[in-house]
Amino acid sequence: MKLCTYLSFDGQTREALEFYAKVLKGKVTAMMTFGETPAAEHVAASAHQSIMHGCVEVGEFMLMGTDATPENPYEGITGASVVVALKDAQEAERIFAELSEGGQVTMPLMETFWAQRYGMATDRYGVAWMVNCYPENACG
């Protein structure tokens, strides 16, 4: 079994997923527009260049996304965060800095009672992130 995260964007799916691939050292493995699919006739012509499905693979994990359409308008991303869990504090600092650039830091990256580094930010695309750098003997 594999759990994946599927995000909705307000027209920035391509840009966001390419950004995440760069920051997380992953690979974009899919990027299909609504106009390239058999579903094109069921979507407003104005959405044909929007991304119907995009995917970034990061190790065994997949981060996927889609653009909103007039038929399914963008409502924002609420009530969830994407978590980056790792053991390298320097890498945690790099990732947090890049993800939070142009966004909003809600908790600066810092040492906590459970982590070498932990921070929360919402990126420039409206996605909430938690970066958790846990000690060697911790679960994660």
Protein backbone atom coordinates (compact mmCIF):
# COMPACT_ATOMS: atom_id res chain seq x y z
CA MET A 1 0.00 0.00 0.00
CA LYS A 2 1.09 3.55 -0.67
CA LEU A 3 -0.50 6.75 0.66
CA CYS A 4 -0.24 9.77 -1.62
CA THR A 5 -1.23 13.41 -1.38
CA TYR A 6 -3.45 14.96 -4.07
CA LEU A 7 -3.61 18.76 -4.09
CA SER A 8 -5.89 21.21 -5.88
CA PHE A 9 -4.54 24.49 -7.26
CA ASP A 10 -5.97 27.66 -8.72
CA GLY A 11 -4.19 27.39 -12.07
CA GLN A 12 -0.63 26.86 -10.78
CA THR A 13 -0.36 23.07 -10.76
CA ARG A 14 2.43 22.87 -13.34
CA GLU A 15 4.48 25.59 -11.62
CA ALA A 16 3.87 24.18 -8.13
CA LEU A 17 4.72 20.56 -8.98
CA GLU A 18 7.87 21.57 -10.86
CA PHE A 19 8.85 23.66 -7.81
CA TYR A 20 8.23 20.73 -5.44
CA ALA A 21 10.25 18.40 -7.67
CA LYS A 22 13.19 20.81 -7.47
CA VAL A 23 12.95 21.46 -3.70
CA LEU A 24 12.34 17.82 -2.73
CA LYS A 25 14.77 16.41 -5.32
CA GLY A 26 12.01 14.47 -6.99
CA LYS A 27 10.94 13.91 -10.56
CA VAL A 28 7.85 15.08 -12.46
CA THR A 29 6.38 11.89 -13.92
CA ALA A 30 3.06 13.18 -15.27
CA MET A 31 1.66 16.49 -16.49
CA MET A 32 -1.51 16.22 -18.57
CA THR A 33 -3.88 19.05 -19.47
CA PHE A 34 -7.65 18.73 -19.61
CA GLY A 35 -7.43 19.40 -23.34
CA GLU A 36 -5.20 16.34 -23.84
CA THR A 37 -7.78 13.93 -22.45
CA PRO A 38 -11.02 12.35 -23.64
CA ALA A 39 -12.68 14.49 -20.93
CA ALA A 40 -11.89 17.69 -22.88
CA GLU A 41 -15.43 17.91 -24.22
CA HIS A 42 -16.77 17.93 -20.63
CA VAL A 43 -14.60 20.83 -19.47
CA ALA A 44 -14.90 24.49 -20.42
CA ALA A 45 -12.59 25.43 -23.31
CA SER A 46 -10.98 28.01 -21.01
CA ALA A 47 -9.67 25.12 -18.88
CA HIS A 48 -8.16 23.04 -21.69
CA GLN A 49 -4.61 24.27 -20.91
CA SER A 50 -5.10 23.67 -17.18
CA ILE A 51 -3.54 20.57 -15.61
CA MET A 52 -5.94 17.69 -15.14
CA HIS A 53 -3.31 15.50 -13.49
CA GLY A 54 0.27 16.07 -12.50
CA CYS A 55 2.57 13.90 -10.43
CA VAL A 56 5.93 14.28 -8.71
CA GLU A 57 7.68 11.20 -7.39
CA VAL A 58 9.93 11.65 -4.37
CA GLY A 59 11.36 8.28 -3.42
CA GLU A 60 8.39 6.00 -2.72
CA PHE A 61 6.05 8.97 -2.24
CA MET A 62 3.87 10.68 -4.85
CA LEU A 63 2.66 14.25 -4.64
CA MET A 64 -0.09 14.83 -7.18
CA GLY A 65 -2.20 17.78 -8.21
CA THR A 66 -4.86 19.25 -10.44
CA ASP A 67 -6.06 22.70 -11.45
CA ALA A 68 -9.54 23.85 -10.55
CA THR A 69 -12.00 24.31 -13.40
CA PRO A 70 -15.12 26.46 -13.77
CA GLU A 71 -17.13 23.29 -13.11
CA ASN A 72 -15.12 22.56 -9.92
CA PRO A 73 -13.89 25.93 -8.61
CA TYR A 74 -10.89 26.34 -6.35
CA GLU A 75 -11.81 26.43 -2.67
CA GLY A 76 -8.35 26.56 -1.15
CA ILE A 77 -6.51 23.88 0.76
CA THR A 78 -7.53 23.70 4.40
CA GLY A 79 -7.34 21.30 7.30
CA ALA A 80 -4.27 19.38 6.14
CA SER A 81 -0.50 19.71 5.81
CA VAL A 82 2.09 17.90 3.76
CA VAL A 83 4.82 16.63 6.09
CA VAL A 84 8.47 16.29 5.11
CA ALA A 85 10.07 13.94 7.66
CA LEU A 86 13.82 13.53 7.56
CA LYS A 87 16.87 13.03 9.75
CA ASP A 88 19.31 15.59 8.29
CA ALA A 89 18.99 18.99 10.03
CA GLN A 90 20.87 20.85 7.29
CA GLU A 91 18.58 19.40 4.63
CA ALA A 92 15.55 20.30 6.79
CA GLU A 93 16.77 23.90 6.91
CA ARG A 94 17.23 24.04 3.13
CA ILE A 95 13.83 22.53 2.38
CA PHE A 96 12.03 24.75 4.88
CA ALA A 97 13.69 27.90 3.53
CA GLU A 98 12.80 27.03 -0.07
CA LEU A 99 9.22 25.97 0.66
CA SER A 100 8.50 29.06 2.77
CA GLU A 101 10.05 31.57 0.33
CA GLY A 102 7.21 33.76 -0.92
CA GLY A 103 4.79 32.11 1.50
CA GLN A 104 4.03 32.51 5.19
CA VAL A 105 5.93 30.95 8.07
CA THR A 106 3.50 29.94 10.82
CA MET A 107 6.16 28.41 13.08
CA PRO A 108 9.84 29.06 12.39
CA LEU A 109 12.08 26.04 11.99
CA MET A 110 13.57 25.34 15.41
CA GLU A 111 14.59 22.66 17.85
CA THR A 112 11.68 21.25 19.84
CA PHE A 113 11.33 18.62 22.54
CA TRP A 114 10.55 16.02 19.85
CA ALA A 115 12.67 17.15 16.93
CA GLN A 116 16.08 18.43 15.97
CA ARG A 117 14.19 20.89 13.76
CA TYR A 118 10.48 21.47 13.26
CA GLY A 119 8.66 24.25 11.44
CA MET A 120 5.40 25.04 9.67
CA ALA A 121 4.78 27.23 6.65
CA THR A 122 2.24 27.79 3.93
CA ASP A 123 3.98 28.08 0.57
CA ARG A 124 3.30 30.56 -2.22
CA TYR A 125 0.72 28.15 -3.70
CA GLY A 126 -1.37 27.90 -0.53
CA VAL A 127 -0.10 24.47 0.56
CA ALA A 128 0.61 24.00 4.28
CA TRP A 129 3.88 22.20 5.05
CA MET A 130 5.44 20.78 8.18
CA VAL A 131 9.15 20.02 8.13
CA ASN A 132 10.07 17.56 10.87
CA CYS A 133 13.70 16.56 11.41
CA TYR A 134 13.55 13.89 14.03
CA PRO A 135 16.39 12.33 16.05
CA GLU A 136 17.85 8.97 15.04
CA ASN A 137 16.02 7.12 17.84
CA ALA A 138 12.57 8.60 17.05
CA CYS A 139 9.70 7.18 15.08
CA GLY A 140 9.40 8.47 11.56
